[in-house]
N, C-alpha and C. Protein backbone atom coordinates (compact mmCIF):
# COMPACT_ATOMS: atom_id res chain seq x y z
N UNK A 1 98.59 61.11 134.85
CA UNK A 1 100.17 61.34 134.92
C UNK A 1 100.68 60.26 134.23
N UNK A 2 101.97 60.61 133.76
CA UNK A 2 102.91 59.99 132.84
C UNK A 2 103.74 59.00 134.05
N UNK A 3 104.12 57.98 133.85
CA UNK A 3 105.00 57.13 134.70
C UNK A 3 106.36 57.49 134.51
N UNK A 4 107.45 57.02 135.34
CA UNK A 4 108.73 57.46 135.09
C UNK A 4 109.29 56.66 133.82
N UNK A 5 108.67 55.63 133.56
CA UNK A 5 109.19 54.87 132.28
C UNK A 5 108.75 55.66 131.13
N UNK A 6 107.33 56.07 131.23
CA UNK A 6 106.88 56.89 130.05
C UNK A 6 107.69 58.14 129.90
N UNK A 7 108.08 59.06 130.88
CA UNK A 7 108.71 59.97 130.87
C UNK A 7 110.01 59.80 129.97
N UNK A 8 111.03 58.59 130.63
CA UNK A 8 112.31 58.20 130.02
C UNK A 8 112.09 57.98 128.51
N UNK A 9 111.06 57.29 128.26
CA UNK A 9 110.74 56.96 126.89
C UNK A 9 110.62 58.05 125.97
N UNK A 10 110.07 59.24 126.48
CA UNK A 10 109.61 60.37 125.58
C UNK A 10 111.09 60.93 125.37
N UNK A 11 111.87 61.09 126.57
CA UNK A 11 113.15 61.88 126.46
C UNK A 11 113.91 61.08 125.49
N UNK A 12 113.89 59.99 125.45
CA UNK A 12 114.78 59.16 124.43
C UNK A 12 114.32 59.38 123.12
N UNK A 13 113.13 59.24 122.86
CA UNK A 13 112.60 59.60 121.65
C UNK A 13 112.95 61.07 121.04
N UNK A 14 112.76 62.02 122.10
CA UNK A 14 112.99 63.45 121.73
C UNK A 14 114.69 63.42 121.20
N UNK A 15 115.53 62.59 121.76
CA UNK A 15 116.95 62.62 121.61
C UNK A 15 117.15 62.24 120.28
N UNK A 16 116.50 61.09 119.79
CA UNK A 16 116.42 60.39 118.67
C UNK A 16 116.19 61.25 117.47
N UNK A 17 115.10 62.01 117.65
CA UNK A 17 114.42 62.97 116.61
C UNK A 17 115.51 64.18 116.46
N UNK A 18 116.08 64.68 117.40
CA UNK A 18 117.28 65.51 117.39
C UNK A 18 118.15 65.19 116.58
N UNK A 19 118.88 63.90 117.07
CA UNK A 19 119.98 63.46 116.11
C UNK A 19 119.75 63.20 114.86
N UNK A 20 118.42 62.62 114.59
CA UNK A 20 117.99 62.34 113.16
C UNK A 20 117.96 63.66 112.06
N UNK A 21 117.42 64.72 112.85
CA UNK A 21 117.30 65.88 112.05
C UNK A 21 118.35 66.78 112.05
N UNK A 22 119.47 66.50 112.09
CA UNK A 22 120.71 67.36 112.38
C UNK A 22 120.61 68.36 111.06
N UNK A 23 121.32 69.60 111.32
CA UNK A 23 121.25 70.76 110.43
C UNK A 23 122.32 70.34 109.51
N UNK A 24 122.08 70.53 108.18
CA UNK A 24 123.14 70.43 107.07
C UNK A 24 124.48 71.34 107.38
N UNK A 25 125.44 71.26 106.92
CA UNK A 25 126.68 72.21 107.26
C UNK A 25 126.38 73.49 106.78
N UNK A 26 125.75 73.93 105.57
CA UNK A 26 125.53 75.00 104.94
C UNK A 26 124.18 75.27 104.92
N UNK A 27 123.51 76.25 105.54
CA UNK A 27 122.03 76.69 105.48
C UNK A 27 121.94 77.23 104.19
N UNK A 28 120.47 76.88 103.81
CA UNK A 28 119.94 77.33 102.53
C UNK A 28 118.93 78.36 102.92
N UNK A 29 118.69 79.60 102.16
CA UNK A 29 117.72 80.43 102.51
C UNK A 29 116.34 79.86 102.20
N UNK A 30 115.20 80.35 102.89
CA UNK A 30 113.97 79.61 102.48
C UNK A 30 113.42 80.54 101.49
N UNK A 31 112.36 80.10 100.96
CA UNK A 31 111.51 81.18 100.10
C UNK A 31 111.06 82.35 100.57
N UNK A 32 110.38 82.16 102.06
CA UNK A 32 109.89 83.38 102.53
C UNK A 32 110.86 84.38 102.98
N UNK A 33 112.33 84.10 103.07
CA UNK A 33 113.25 85.11 103.02
C UNK A 33 113.28 86.17 101.97
N UNK A 34 112.83 85.69 100.86
CA UNK A 34 112.80 86.61 99.67
C UNK A 34 111.35 87.37 99.45
N UNK A 35 110.58 87.32 100.60
CA UNK A 35 109.28 88.04 100.19
C UNK A 35 109.43 89.52 100.89
N UNK A 36 109.34 90.37 99.87
CA UNK A 36 109.66 91.86 100.26
C UNK A 36 108.76 92.20 101.40
N UNK A 37 109.29 92.69 102.42
CA UNK A 37 108.76 93.36 103.61
C UNK A 37 108.31 92.12 104.56
N UNK A 38 108.74 91.06 104.52
CA UNK A 38 108.33 89.92 105.42
C UNK A 38 108.55 90.22 106.84
N UNK A 39 107.92 90.60 107.69
CA UNK A 39 107.98 90.78 109.27
C UNK A 39 108.50 89.81 109.95
N UNK A 40 108.50 88.40 109.66
CA UNK A 40 108.49 87.32 110.50
C UNK A 40 110.07 87.05 110.78
N UNK A 41 110.53 86.99 111.82
CA UNK A 41 112.10 86.56 111.92
C UNK A 41 112.14 85.03 111.97
N UNK A 42 113.04 84.51 111.47
CA UNK A 42 113.46 83.21 111.15
C UNK A 42 112.19 82.32 110.64
N UNK A 43 111.80 82.91 109.60
CA UNK A 43 110.53 82.56 108.71
C UNK A 43 110.43 81.13 108.25
N UNK A 44 111.62 80.75 108.03
CA UNK A 44 111.97 79.39 107.62
C UNK A 44 112.59 78.48 108.49
N UNK A 45 112.85 78.93 109.67
CA UNK A 45 113.29 77.92 110.70
C UNK A 45 114.78 77.67 110.54
N UNK A 46 115.37 78.39 109.65
CA UNK A 46 116.89 78.31 109.25
C UNK A 46 117.94 78.75 110.22
N UNK A 47 117.46 79.64 111.09
CA UNK A 47 118.46 80.31 112.17
C UNK A 47 119.06 79.18 113.10
N UNK A 48 118.34 78.13 113.59
CA UNK A 48 118.86 77.16 114.41
C UNK A 48 118.18 75.85 114.35
N UNK A 49 118.83 74.94 114.59
CA UNK A 49 118.33 73.53 114.48
C UNK A 49 118.30 72.75 115.98
N UNK A 50 117.53 72.37 116.53
CA UNK A 50 117.41 71.67 118.00
C UNK A 50 116.13 71.15 118.20
N UNK A 51 116.24 70.37 119.12
CA UNK A 51 114.98 69.75 119.91
C UNK A 51 114.40 71.00 120.84
N UNK A 52 113.21 71.20 120.80
CA UNK A 52 112.63 72.08 121.93
C UNK A 52 112.81 73.39 121.61
N UNK A 53 112.53 74.29 122.77
CA UNK A 53 112.58 75.51 122.59
C UNK A 53 114.00 76.20 121.83
N UNK A 54 115.21 75.64 122.20
CA UNK A 54 116.50 76.18 121.21
C UNK A 54 116.29 76.10 119.76
N UNK A 55 115.19 75.51 119.31
CA UNK A 55 115.26 75.37 117.90
C UNK A 55 114.41 76.54 117.27
N UNK A 56 113.80 77.26 118.11
CA UNK A 56 112.92 78.36 117.63
C UNK A 56 113.50 79.87 117.70
N UNK A 57 114.71 80.02 117.45
CA UNK A 57 115.27 81.06 117.58
C UNK A 57 114.25 82.55 116.81
N UNK A 58 114.38 83.47 117.37
CA UNK A 58 113.04 84.50 117.08
C UNK A 58 111.91 84.46 117.43
N UNK A 59 111.73 83.20 118.01
CA UNK A 59 110.13 83.03 118.16
C UNK A 59 110.13 82.70 119.80
N UNK A 60 108.83 83.03 120.39
CA UNK A 60 108.58 82.73 121.54
C UNK A 60 107.86 81.37 121.72
N UNK A 61 108.87 80.27 122.07
CA UNK A 61 108.41 78.98 122.01
C UNK A 61 107.76 78.64 123.62
N UNK A 62 106.52 77.82 123.65
CA UNK A 62 106.27 77.47 124.92
C UNK A 62 105.85 75.95 124.81
N UNK A 63 106.77 75.03 125.67
CA UNK A 63 106.41 73.72 125.44
C UNK A 63 105.30 73.16 126.02
N UNK A 64 104.66 72.17 125.67
CA UNK A 64 103.50 71.46 126.35
C UNK A 64 104.06 70.70 127.51
N UNK A 65 103.30 70.00 128.13
CA UNK A 65 103.53 69.04 129.11
C UNK A 65 104.53 67.86 128.67
N UNK A 66 104.54 67.41 127.54
CA UNK A 66 105.51 66.57 127.01
C UNK A 66 105.80 66.90 125.71
N UNK A 67 106.75 67.94 125.49
CA UNK A 67 107.21 68.57 124.42
C UNK A 67 107.88 67.61 123.32
N UNK A 68 107.49 67.88 122.03
CA UNK A 68 108.10 67.00 121.15
C UNK A 68 108.13 67.80 120.07
N UNK A 69 108.92 68.81 119.82
CA UNK A 69 108.94 70.04 118.72
C UNK A 69 110.31 70.48 118.47
N UNK A 70 110.34 71.03 117.50
CA UNK A 70 111.68 71.88 117.06
C UNK A 70 111.86 72.06 115.57
N UNK A 71 113.02 72.70 115.40
CA UNK A 71 113.41 72.83 114.05
C UNK A 71 114.47 71.85 113.64
N UNK A 72 114.06 71.37 112.32
CA UNK A 72 114.86 70.18 111.89
C UNK A 72 114.96 70.22 110.46
N UNK A 73 115.98 69.52 109.95
CA UNK A 73 116.23 69.32 108.45
C UNK A 73 115.38 68.00 108.10
N UNK A 74 114.12 68.35 108.20
CA UNK A 74 113.07 66.98 107.83
C UNK A 74 112.14 67.42 106.97
N UNK A 75 112.42 67.10 105.59
CA UNK A 75 111.30 67.39 104.68
C UNK A 75 110.86 68.77 104.59
N UNK A 76 111.79 69.83 104.43
CA UNK A 76 111.22 71.29 104.47
C UNK A 76 110.58 71.59 103.17
N UNK A 77 109.60 72.66 103.50
CA UNK A 77 109.01 73.10 102.18
C UNK A 77 109.90 73.77 101.11
N UNK A 78 110.90 74.50 101.72
CA UNK A 78 111.96 75.19 101.05
C UNK A 78 113.13 75.25 102.08
N UNK A 79 114.28 75.65 101.79
CA UNK A 79 115.59 75.81 102.52
C UNK A 79 116.15 74.25 103.18
N UNK A 80 116.53 74.44 104.31
CA UNK A 80 116.95 73.19 104.82
C UNK A 80 115.93 72.84 105.89
N UNK A 81 115.29 73.67 106.57
CA UNK A 81 114.64 73.27 107.97
C UNK A 81 113.22 73.37 107.76
N UNK A 82 112.56 72.73 108.83
CA UNK A 82 111.09 73.01 108.73
C UNK A 82 110.78 72.92 110.43
N UNK A 83 109.70 73.59 110.93
CA UNK A 83 109.20 73.42 112.30
C UNK A 83 108.31 71.98 112.34
N UNK A 84 108.91 71.10 113.43
CA UNK A 84 108.30 69.84 113.47
C UNK A 84 107.63 69.69 114.63
N UNK A 85 106.14 69.25 114.87
CA UNK A 85 105.34 69.28 115.87
C UNK A 85 105.08 67.76 116.06
N UNK A 86 105.25 67.07 117.10
CA UNK A 86 104.88 65.67 117.27
C UNK A 86 104.61 65.21 118.70
N UNK A 87 104.11 66.17 119.47
CA UNK A 87 104.14 66.08 121.00
C UNK A 87 103.08 64.99 121.15
N UNK A 88 103.18 64.34 122.34
CA UNK A 88 102.26 63.44 122.83
C UNK A 88 100.93 63.94 123.55
N UNK A 89 101.05 65.16 123.92
CA UNK A 89 99.80 65.80 124.51
C UNK A 89 99.82 67.31 124.23
N UNK A 90 98.66 67.93 124.04
CA UNK A 90 98.61 69.28 123.65
C UNK A 90 99.07 70.28 124.78
N UNK A 91 99.53 71.35 124.07
CA UNK A 91 99.90 71.79 122.97
C UNK A 91 101.49 72.33 123.03
N UNK A 92 102.22 72.29 122.16
CA UNK A 92 103.54 72.95 121.91
C UNK A 92 103.01 74.01 121.16
N UNK A 93 103.70 75.44 121.69
CA UNK A 93 103.21 76.54 120.72
C UNK A 93 104.60 77.36 120.40
N UNK A 94 104.31 78.20 119.27
CA UNK A 94 105.47 79.20 119.00
C UNK A 94 104.51 80.42 118.62
N UNK A 95 105.24 81.59 118.79
CA UNK A 95 104.27 82.84 118.68
C UNK A 95 105.55 84.17 118.21
N UNK A 96 105.04 84.93 117.52
CA UNK A 96 105.88 86.25 117.35
C UNK A 96 104.86 87.50 117.34
N UNK A 97 105.28 88.39 118.05
CA UNK A 97 104.63 89.70 117.90
C UNK A 97 105.25 90.85 117.06
N UNK A 98 104.68 91.24 116.02
CA UNK A 98 105.04 91.77 114.79
C UNK A 98 104.75 93.26 114.85
N UNK A 99 105.60 94.27 114.59
CA UNK A 99 105.33 95.56 114.58
C UNK A 99 104.46 95.83 113.16
N UNK A 100 103.34 96.05 113.15
CA UNK A 100 102.77 96.52 111.76
C UNK A 100 102.33 97.74 111.83
N UNK A 101 102.00 98.13 110.70
CA UNK A 101 101.52 99.59 110.30
C UNK A 101 99.97 99.62 110.41
N UNK A 102 99.67 100.35 111.34
CA UNK A 102 97.97 100.73 111.52
C UNK A 102 97.20 100.93 110.28
N UNK A 103 96.33 100.09 109.95
CA UNK A 103 95.41 100.43 108.61
C UNK A 103 96.19 99.81 107.49
N UNK A 104 97.46 99.09 107.56
CA UNK A 104 97.78 98.33 106.29
C UNK A 104 97.50 97.24 106.03
N UNK A 105 97.22 96.84 104.99
CA UNK A 105 96.60 95.50 104.64
C UNK A 105 97.91 94.50 104.56
N UNK A 106 98.04 93.37 105.11
CA UNK A 106 98.76 92.47 105.02
C UNK A 106 98.54 91.23 104.76
N UNK A 107 99.24 90.35 104.33
CA UNK A 107 99.03 88.98 104.09
C UNK A 107 99.76 88.07 105.05
N UNK A 108 99.06 87.20 105.73
CA UNK A 108 99.50 86.41 106.36
C UNK A 108 99.72 85.01 105.88
N UNK A 109 100.56 84.26 105.69
CA UNK A 109 100.54 82.93 105.03
C UNK A 109 101.69 82.15 105.68
N UNK A 110 101.54 80.73 105.31
CA UNK A 110 102.38 79.61 105.97
C UNK A 110 101.95 78.40 105.15
N UNK A 111 103.14 77.48 105.27
CA UNK A 111 102.99 76.15 104.48
C UNK A 111 102.89 75.09 105.71
N UNK A 112 101.87 74.17 105.63
CA UNK A 112 101.69 73.27 106.44
C UNK A 112 101.37 71.63 105.91
N UNK A 113 102.13 70.71 106.48
CA UNK A 113 101.99 69.36 106.10
C UNK A 113 101.58 68.61 107.27
N UNK A 114 100.78 67.80 107.12
CA UNK A 114 100.51 66.43 108.05
C UNK A 114 100.95 65.00 107.75
N UNK A 115 101.90 64.57 108.55
CA UNK A 115 102.37 63.13 108.15
C UNK A 115 101.44 62.05 108.86
N UNK A 116 100.57 62.60 109.62
CA UNK A 116 99.68 61.58 110.22
C UNK A 116 99.18 60.45 109.44
N UNK A 117 98.96 59.07 109.96
CA UNK A 117 98.47 57.96 109.23
C UNK A 117 97.01 58.05 108.84
N UNK A 118 96.27 58.86 109.69
CA UNK A 118 94.97 58.93 109.20
C UNK A 118 94.14 57.74 110.05
N UNK A 119 94.82 56.76 110.72
CA UNK A 119 93.95 55.63 111.11
C UNK A 119 93.69 56.06 112.65
N UNK A 120 94.11 56.90 113.27
CA UNK A 120 93.89 56.98 114.76
C UNK A 120 92.59 58.08 114.97
N UNK A 121 92.34 58.18 116.21
CA UNK A 121 91.17 58.97 116.75
C UNK A 121 91.68 60.56 116.14
N UNK A 122 90.59 61.51 116.07
CA UNK A 122 90.69 62.68 115.80
C UNK A 122 91.53 63.48 116.76
N UNK A 123 91.40 63.08 117.95
CA UNK A 123 91.75 63.53 119.14
C UNK A 123 93.31 63.32 119.04
N UNK A 124 93.92 62.63 118.58
CA UNK A 124 95.46 62.15 118.46
C UNK A 124 96.32 63.47 117.88
N UNK A 125 95.63 64.46 117.12
CA UNK A 125 96.35 65.24 116.68
C UNK A 125 95.50 66.68 116.38
N UNK A 126 96.21 67.77 116.36
CA UNK A 126 95.53 68.82 116.02
C UNK A 126 96.32 70.17 115.83
N UNK A 127 96.15 71.04 115.25
CA UNK A 127 97.12 72.03 114.81
C UNK A 127 96.09 73.47 114.50
N UNK A 128 96.56 74.51 115.32
CA UNK A 128 95.71 75.94 115.26
C UNK A 128 96.90 76.97 114.90
N UNK A 129 96.31 77.70 113.98
CA UNK A 129 96.95 78.94 113.65
C UNK A 129 96.01 80.01 114.10
N UNK A 130 96.61 81.18 114.85
CA UNK A 130 95.56 82.26 115.16
C UNK A 130 96.53 83.63 114.98
N UNK A 131 95.87 84.50 114.99
CA UNK A 131 96.17 86.16 114.70
C UNK A 131 95.49 87.06 115.92
N UNK A 132 96.45 87.69 116.66
CA UNK A 132 95.79 88.32 117.93
C UNK A 132 94.69 87.65 118.72
N UNK A 133 94.95 86.25 118.89
CA UNK A 133 94.03 85.46 119.61
C UNK A 133 92.90 84.78 119.01
N UNK A 134 92.76 85.35 117.72
CA UNK A 134 91.58 84.63 116.99
C UNK A 134 91.99 83.36 116.07
N UNK A 135 91.31 82.22 116.29
CA UNK A 135 91.98 81.04 115.56
C UNK A 135 91.51 81.15 114.15
N UNK A 136 92.41 81.13 113.31
CA UNK A 136 92.06 81.16 111.70
C UNK A 136 91.83 79.73 111.20
N UNK A 137 92.51 78.82 111.69
CA UNK A 137 92.43 77.56 111.01
C UNK A 137 92.74 76.55 112.22
N UNK A 138 91.70 75.33 112.44
CA UNK A 138 92.00 74.52 113.24
C UNK A 138 91.82 73.05 112.53
N UNK A 139 93.00 72.50 112.59
CA UNK A 139 92.94 71.21 111.95
C UNK A 139 92.91 70.03 112.90
N UNK A 140 91.88 69.13 112.74
CA UNK A 140 91.79 68.26 113.79
C UNK A 140 91.29 66.95 112.66
N UNK A 141 92.20 66.61 111.73
CA UNK A 141 91.57 65.79 110.63
C UNK A 141 91.56 64.05 111.21
N UNK A 142 90.73 63.65 110.45
CA UNK A 142 90.67 62.08 110.56
C UNK A 142 90.90 61.34 109.23
N UNK A 143 91.08 62.18 108.24
CA UNK A 143 91.30 61.74 106.75
C UNK A 143 93.01 61.54 106.68
N UNK A 144 93.25 61.03 105.69
CA UNK A 144 94.93 60.67 105.45
C UNK A 144 95.80 61.99 105.51
N UNK A 145 96.93 61.88 105.50
CA UNK A 145 97.94 62.92 105.41
C UNK A 145 97.91 63.79 104.28
N UNK A 146 98.30 65.05 104.44
CA UNK A 146 98.34 66.01 103.41
C UNK A 146 99.62 66.54 103.12
N UNK A 147 100.01 66.92 101.97
CA UNK A 147 101.39 67.43 101.60
C UNK A 147 101.29 69.05 102.06
N UNK A 148 102.32 69.60 101.64
CA UNK A 148 102.37 70.85 102.00
C UNK A 148 101.42 71.87 101.49
N UNK A 149 100.57 72.42 102.26
CA UNK A 149 99.63 73.24 101.64
C UNK A 149 99.64 74.77 102.13
N UNK A 150 99.47 75.58 101.40
CA UNK A 150 99.44 77.03 101.66
C UNK A 150 98.25 77.64 102.23
N UNK A 151 98.09 78.35 103.44
CA UNK A 151 97.16 79.06 104.10
C UNK A 151 97.42 80.65 103.87
N UNK A 152 96.47 81.37 103.57
CA UNK A 152 96.71 82.65 103.42
C UNK A 152 95.78 83.51 103.99
N UNK A 153 95.82 84.64 104.73
CA UNK A 153 94.87 85.50 105.23
C UNK A 153 95.19 86.76 104.94
N UNK A 154 94.16 87.46 104.99
CA UNK A 154 94.42 89.24 104.68
C UNK A 154 93.81 89.86 106.07
N UNK A 155 94.67 90.98 106.60
CA UNK A 155 94.25 91.42 107.71
C UNK A 155 94.76 92.89 107.86
N UNK A 156 94.08 93.83 108.13
CA UNK A 156 94.55 95.21 108.56
C UNK A 156 95.44 95.21 109.96
N UNK A 157 96.73 95.85 109.54
CA UNK A 157 97.62 95.96 110.81
C UNK A 157 96.93 96.72 111.84
N UNK A 158 97.30 96.38 113.15
CA UNK A 158 96.74 97.47 114.33
C UNK A 158 98.10 98.11 114.94
N UNK A 159 99.16 97.94 114.39
CA UNK A 159 100.45 98.38 115.10
C UNK A 159 101.15 97.44 115.83
N UNK A 160 100.71 96.35 116.45
CA UNK A 160 101.24 95.24 117.06
C UNK A 160 100.44 94.13 116.72
N UNK A 161 100.77 93.04 116.07
CA UNK A 161 99.72 91.89 115.86
C UNK A 161 100.70 90.39 116.10
N UNK A 162 100.17 89.57 116.50
CA UNK A 162 100.68 88.39 117.08
C UNK A 162 100.15 87.24 116.41
N UNK A 163 101.09 86.43 115.77
CA UNK A 163 101.00 85.26 115.13
C UNK A 163 101.28 84.20 115.86
N UNK A 164 100.44 82.92 115.99
CA UNK A 164 100.88 81.78 117.07
C UNK A 164 100.35 80.66 116.25
N UNK A 165 101.08 79.67 116.58
CA UNK A 165 100.82 78.08 116.10
C UNK A 165 100.90 77.29 117.15
N UNK A 166 99.95 76.52 117.25
CA UNK A 166 99.97 75.60 118.56
C UNK A 166 99.50 74.06 117.97
N UNK A 167 100.23 72.97 118.48
CA UNK A 167 99.94 71.83 117.78
C UNK A 167 100.31 70.63 118.47
N UNK A 168 99.87 69.35 118.26
CA UNK A 168 100.39 68.20 118.69
C UNK A 168 100.05 67.23 117.69
N UNK A 169 100.87 66.13 117.52
CA UNK A 169 100.45 64.99 116.74
C UNK A 169 100.90 63.69 117.25
N UNK A 170 100.13 62.99 117.71
CA UNK A 170 100.51 61.63 118.52
C UNK A 170 100.79 60.58 117.34
N UNK A 171 100.24 60.88 116.16
CA UNK A 171 100.41 59.62 115.19
C UNK A 171 101.54 59.85 114.25
N UNK A 172 102.12 61.04 114.21
CA UNK A 172 103.30 61.21 113.43
C UNK A 172 103.79 62.60 113.63
N UNK A 173 103.78 63.64 112.81
CA UNK A 173 104.12 65.13 112.75
C UNK A 173 103.45 66.00 111.94
N UNK A 174 103.19 67.22 112.37
CA UNK A 174 103.03 68.24 111.56
C UNK A 174 104.32 68.99 111.20
N UNK A 175 104.37 69.51 109.99
CA UNK A 175 105.66 70.15 109.51
C UNK A 175 105.26 71.61 109.01
N UNK A 176 105.78 72.85 109.59
CA UNK A 176 105.46 74.04 109.39
C UNK A 176 106.49 74.85 108.77
N UNK A 177 106.27 75.64 107.64
CA UNK A 177 107.50 76.21 107.08
C UNK A 177 106.95 77.41 106.34
N UNK A 178 107.94 78.11 106.00
CA UNK A 178 107.87 79.55 104.98
C UNK A 178 106.49 80.28 105.72
N UNK A 179 106.75 80.79 106.80
CA UNK A 179 105.69 81.84 107.52
C UNK A 179 106.02 83.08 107.08
N UNK A 180 104.90 83.83 106.61
CA UNK A 180 105.21 85.24 106.36
C UNK A 180 104.10 86.12 106.62
N UNK A 181 104.46 87.49 106.84
CA UNK A 181 103.44 88.37 107.14
C UNK A 181 104.09 89.64 106.48
N UNK A 182 103.55 90.02 105.36
CA UNK A 182 104.08 91.26 104.58
C UNK A 182 102.72 91.90 103.88
N UNK A 183 103.24 93.34 103.68
CA UNK A 183 102.16 94.13 103.06
C UNK A 183 101.71 93.46 101.70
N UNK A 184 100.36 93.48 101.56
CA UNK A 184 99.86 92.93 100.38
C UNK A 184 100.45 93.57 99.16
N UNK A 185 100.42 92.66 97.96
CA UNK A 185 100.98 93.16 96.78
C UNK A 185 99.95 94.04 96.28
N UNK A 186 100.30 95.29 95.76
CA UNK A 186 99.20 96.12 95.06
C UNK A 186 98.58 95.45 93.85
N UNK A 187 97.07 95.35 94.09
CA UNK A 187 96.34 95.31 92.93
C UNK A 187 95.02 96.14 93.13
N UNK A 188 95.31 97.44 92.54
CA UNK A 188 94.56 98.87 92.72
C UNK A 188 93.24 98.40 93.16
N UNK A 189 92.49 97.85 92.45
CA UNK A 189 90.97 97.65 92.52
C UNK A 189 90.44 96.79 93.67
N UNK A 190 91.03 95.56 93.44
CA UNK A 190 90.52 94.55 94.30
C UNK A 190 91.00 94.73 95.67
N UNK A 191 92.61 95.11 96.08
CA UNK A 191 92.90 95.48 97.33
C UNK A 191 92.36 96.52 97.74
N UNK A 192 91.97 97.57 97.27
CA UNK A 192 91.27 98.69 97.84
C UNK A 192 90.03 98.36 98.39
N UNK A 193 89.13 97.50 97.67
CA UNK A 193 87.79 97.03 97.92
C UNK A 193 88.07 96.07 99.23
N UNK A 194 89.02 95.23 99.08
CA UNK A 194 89.18 94.28 100.30
C UNK A 194 89.63 95.13 101.50
N UNK A 195 90.30 96.12 101.51
CA UNK A 195 90.58 96.89 102.56
C UNK A 195 89.73 97.72 103.40
N UNK A 196 88.94 98.36 102.49
CA UNK A 196 87.70 98.88 102.76
C UNK A 196 86.69 97.85 103.82
N UNK A 197 86.32 96.79 103.17
CA UNK A 197 85.52 95.81 103.73
C UNK A 197 86.12 95.22 105.05
N UNK A 198 87.23 94.97 104.90
CA UNK A 198 88.07 94.49 106.19
C UNK A 198 87.77 95.62 107.41
N UNK A 199 88.10 96.74 107.13
CA UNK A 199 87.97 98.09 108.00
C UNK A 199 86.58 98.01 108.46
N UNK A 200 85.66 97.83 107.59
CA UNK A 200 84.16 97.86 107.91
C UNK A 200 83.82 96.78 108.65
N UNK A 201 84.30 95.60 108.62
CA UNK A 201 83.60 94.50 109.32
C UNK A 201 84.71 94.26 110.46
N UNK A 202 85.96 94.66 110.41
CA UNK A 202 86.94 94.09 111.58
C UNK A 202 87.06 92.63 111.54
N UNK A 203 87.28 92.21 110.44
CA UNK A 203 87.71 90.69 110.39
C UNK A 203 89.05 90.42 109.47
N UNK A 204 89.21 89.06 109.51
CA UNK A 204 90.45 88.50 108.51
C UNK A 204 89.79 87.61 107.66
N UNK A 205 90.36 87.72 106.39
CA UNK A 205 89.74 87.04 105.22
C UNK A 205 90.72 85.97 104.77
N UNK A 206 90.32 84.93 104.55
CA UNK A 206 91.07 83.69 103.96
C UNK A 206 91.17 83.87 102.59
N UNK A 207 92.19 84.00 102.06
CA UNK A 207 92.37 84.21 100.54
C UNK A 207 92.21 83.04 99.90
N UNK A 208 93.08 82.02 100.13
CA UNK A 208 93.20 80.71 99.35
C UNK A 208 94.16 79.69 99.96
N UNK A 209 94.07 78.32 99.53
CA UNK A 209 94.27 77.17 99.76
C UNK A 209 95.03 76.58 98.78
N UNK A 210 96.03 76.23 98.67
CA UNK A 210 96.84 75.63 97.43
C UNK A 210 97.87 74.47 98.00
N UNK A 211 97.83 73.58 97.27
CA UNK A 211 99.03 72.48 97.80
C UNK A 211 100.25 72.39 96.85
N UNK A 212 101.28 72.26 97.65
CA UNK A 212 102.61 72.22 97.15
C UNK A 212 103.19 70.86 97.52
N UNK A 213 103.36 69.81 96.46
CA UNK A 213 103.91 68.68 96.73
C UNK A 213 105.37 68.49 96.18
N UNK A 214 106.25 69.42 95.95
CA UNK A 214 107.38 69.38 95.28
C UNK A 214 108.37 68.60 96.41
N UNK A 215 108.55 69.41 97.54
CA UNK A 215 109.33 68.81 98.71
C UNK A 215 109.08 67.31 99.27
N UNK A 216 107.79 67.34 99.37
CA UNK A 216 107.34 65.79 99.80
C UNK A 216 107.47 64.89 98.82
N UNK A 217 107.14 65.19 97.54
CA UNK A 217 107.40 64.01 96.52
C UNK A 217 108.89 63.65 96.47
N UNK A 218 109.76 64.51 96.36
CA UNK A 218 111.24 64.42 96.10
C UNK A 218 111.63 63.79 97.46
N UNK A 219 111.27 64.05 98.59
CA UNK A 219 111.71 63.33 99.83
C UNK A 219 111.30 61.89 99.72
N UNK A 220 109.94 61.56 99.14
CA UNK A 220 109.77 60.22 99.41
C UNK A 220 110.35 59.40 98.14
N UNK A 221 110.68 60.00 97.20
CA UNK A 221 111.22 59.39 95.97
C UNK A 221 112.48 58.97 96.45
N UNK A 222 113.21 59.91 97.44
CA UNK A 222 114.62 59.61 97.78
C UNK A 222 114.83 58.18 98.23
C-alpha cells in the first residue's frame, strides 16, 4: 500500500503533468480524422485535454489504483494531442465498442511511442492493445525507447467490436495517437484472399509495423 506521502506526491505530479500539457487555443485535426469510414470517436484525442478520465471524451476510461494518464499536447503524432500513459502501477485503460458490419474486413491501426529510458526492469512498464478481449500486442520492453510506430491489424467485423488499450510506465510515458478502425481499402485480389482466410481461421492478422519519427524528431530539436 502507498503511504499518505506517496499518494500526495502522485497527486502533485498529476497536477504538474496536466498543467504542462495544456491544450493550445486552436485544435488541429489529427491524421486519423481524415481516414474514410473511421469508426473511432476522438481518434486523435483532440476533443478534450485533461488529466485522468475527463481527457478521454468518447472513450470508456478506467483508472488504475494510481492513475497517471490523460490527453495532452505533448509530442503528438499528429494534431495537437496524444494519449499519455505514465502510471506508477498497472493498468490504466481506455476502450471503445464500435458498431461494425458483420463479415466486413477492417483495418485496426494506431501509433505508439515509448519514452522509457530503457534502464529499468521490464516490469516497470507495459502496454497492451486488444480487440474483443484478445491481446494483439504486449510491449514490455527492456530496450531503449522507440519513436512513433504504426501497428496495423486486419479483422472481420462481428457487428460489435471492442478495442482496448491498457498501459503503465514507471520510467517515463507511452504516447498513443491516431487510432483508427476503418473498412480496408479495396485491393481486389489480396483483400479477397485475406477475407476468406480470416473467415476460415477466425483470427486477426498483423499487417505491418512501420516507424514514424517526424513528430518526435521535431520536438527533440525544438
